[in-house]
C-alpha cells in the first residue's frame, strides 16, 4: 500500500523497486490515490498507475475483502507516512490490510503457538 509519501530519495518506492527488477503484482491505494492526485472526499476506485502500468486496487467499497489479491503475493509492503491521529484514514487502511495478510499467509508459515 503506497501513496505520494512513499519516497526513496526523490523517487516513488514503486518506481525504484521496478527499476531493481522486483516483480510487483499490484498496489493498494488509500485516500488521495497512489500518487496523491485524488482530491479529499473523492471516491477511490481501482485504477492503473499511468507511469508504470501497475494495477491499483482500492480497499474502499467492494474491494474491502481483497483476499484473492493478497493470496497472490509473498510480501506485502505498507509504506505511508502518517500524522499519528488514530482516526486518520491511512491507519484505517493499515487496519484493513493486516487481517488480509494474516488470513493469507503461505501454508506452514504459522508461527503462532499451538493451541492446547
Protein backbone atom coordinates (compact mmCIF):
# COMPACT_ATOMS: atom_id res chain seq x y z
CA UNK A 1 0.00 0.00 0.00
CA UNK A 2 1.52 3.26 -1.07
CA UNK A 3 0.83 6.89 -1.82
CA UNK A 4 2.69 10.09 -2.67
CA UNK A 5 4.69 9.90 0.61
CA UNK A 6 6.23 6.55 -0.36
CA UNK A 7 9.55 8.03 -1.45
CA UNK A 8 13.14 6.78 -1.72
CA UNK A 9 15.37 9.80 -2.31
CA UNK A 10 13.43 11.72 -4.94
CA UNK A 11 11.60 8.74 -6.50
CA UNK A 12 8.46 6.82 -5.60
CA UNK A 13 9.28 3.47 -3.94
CA UNK A 14 7.38 1.58 -6.64
CA UNK A 15 9.47 3.20 -9.37
CA UNK A 16 12.66 2.22 -7.51
CA UNK A 17 11.52 -1.38 -6.95
CA UNK A 18 10.57 -1.79 -10.61
CA UNK A 19 13.96 -0.36 -11.68
CA UNK A 20 15.60 -3.01 -9.47
CA UNK A 21 13.61 -5.77 -11.18
CA UNK A 22 11.23 -6.55 -8.32
CA UNK A 23 8.13 -8.36 -9.59
CA UNK A 24 5.34 -6.14 -8.29
CA UNK A 25 1.83 -7.52 -8.74
CA UNK A 26 -0.34 -4.56 -7.66
CA UNK A 27 -0.67 -1.79 -5.11
CA UNK A 28 -3.48 -0.95 -2.75
CA UNK A 29 -4.34 2.72 -2.80
CA UNK A 30 -5.53 4.85 0.10
CA UNK A 31 -7.47 8.09 0.19
CA UNK A 32 -5.95 10.68 -2.20
CA UNK A 33 -4.70 7.92 -4.51
CA UNK A 34 -1.38 6.32 -5.35
CA UNK A 35 0.46 9.48 -6.35
CA UNK A 36 -1.70 11.97 -4.42
CA UNK A 37 -3.86 13.00 -7.35
CA UNK A 38 -7.31 12.31 -5.85
CA UNK A 39 -8.93 15.21 -4.03
CA UNK A 40 -10.18 14.92 -0.45
CA UNK A 41 -13.60 13.33 -0.39
CA UNK A 42 -13.40 11.92 -3.95
CA UNK A 43 -14.17 8.23 -4.40
CA UNK A 44 -11.12 5.99 -4.69
CA UNK A 45 -11.62 3.38 -7.41
CA UNK A 46 -9.48 0.62 -8.90
CA UNK A 47 -7.11 2.10 -11.44
CA UNK A 48 -3.79 1.66 -13.21
CA UNK A 49 -0.71 3.76 -12.45
CA UNK A 50 -0.08 5.74 -15.64
CA UNK A 51 3.69 5.86 -15.03
CA UNK A 52 4.26 2.13 -14.52
CA UNK A 53 1.13 0.27 -15.66
CA UNK A 54 0.86 -1.27 -12.18
CA UNK A 55 -2.71 -2.28 -11.24
CA UNK A 56 -4.04 -0.22 -8.34
CA UNK A 57 -6.78 -1.50 -6.06
CA UNK A 58 -8.89 0.45 -3.62
CA UNK A 59 -9.74 -1.00 -0.22
CA UNK A 60 -12.87 1.12 -0.14
CA UNK A 61 -16.24 -0.36 -1.00
CA UNK A 62 -16.31 -3.62 -2.98
CA UNK A 63 -12.62 -4.43 -2.65
CA UNK A 64 -12.66 -4.26 1.14
CA UNK A 65 -12.17 -8.05 1.30
CA UNK A 66 -9.38 -8.42 -1.23
CA UNK A 67 -8.30 -11.93 -0.17
CA UNK A 68 -7.66 -13.19 -3.69
CA UNK A 69 -5.25 -10.32 -4.39
CA UNK A 70 -3.30 -10.79 -1.18
CA UNK A 71 -3.08 -14.56 -1.62
CA UNK A 72 -1.16 -13.97 -4.89
CA UNK A 73 1.87 -12.31 -3.23
CA UNK A 74 4.71 -13.37 -0.92
CA UNK A 75 5.41 -9.98 0.67
CA UNK A 76 3.15 -7.04 1.42
CA UNK A 77 4.71 -3.59 1.90
CA UNK A 78 2.81 -0.83 3.67
CA UNK A 79 4.76 2.42 3.31
CA UNK A 80 2.77 5.55 4.04
CA UNK A 81 3.70 8.45 6.27
CA UNK A 82 1.02 9.30 8.78
CA UNK A 83 0.29 12.21 11.09
CA UNK A 84 -0.31 9.91 14.07
CA UNK A 85 -4.02 10.51 14.65
CA UNK A 86 -5.93 7.30 15.34
CA UNK A 87 -8.83 8.39 13.14
CA UNK A 88 -6.65 9.19 10.13
CA UNK A 89 -7.58 7.20 7.01
CA UNK A 90 -4.09 5.74 6.47
CA UNK A 91 -4.26 3.95 9.83
CA UNK A 92 -7.65 2.60 8.76
CA UNK A 93 -6.02 1.40 5.52
CA UNK A 94 -3.38 -0.48 7.52
CA UNK A 95 -6.15 -1.90 9.71
CA UNK A 96 -7.78 -3.25 6.53
CA UNK A 97 -4.56 -4.74 5.11
CA UNK A 98 -3.34 -6.51 8.26
CA UNK A 99 -6.16 -9.11 8.51
CA UNK A 100 -5.90 -9.79 4.78
CA UNK A 101 -2.22 -10.64 5.26
CA UNK A 102 -2.88 -12.70 8.40
CA UNK A 103 -5.56 -14.72 6.63
CA UNK A 104 -3.42 -15.39 3.55
CA UNK A 105 -0.02 -16.47 4.81
CA UNK A 106 1.56 -19.40 2.97
CA UNK A 107 0.87 -22.87 4.42
CA UNK A 108 3.43 -23.98 7.00
CA UNK A 109 4.36 -20.42 7.98
CA UNK A 110 2.13 -20.19 11.03
CA UNK A 111 4.41 -19.01 13.83
CA UNK A 112 1.66 -18.86 16.45
CA UNK A 113 1.94 -21.34 19.33
CA UNK A 114 -0.19 -24.46 19.08
CA UNK A 115 -3.45 -24.42 20.97
CA UNK A 116 -3.62 -26.93 23.86
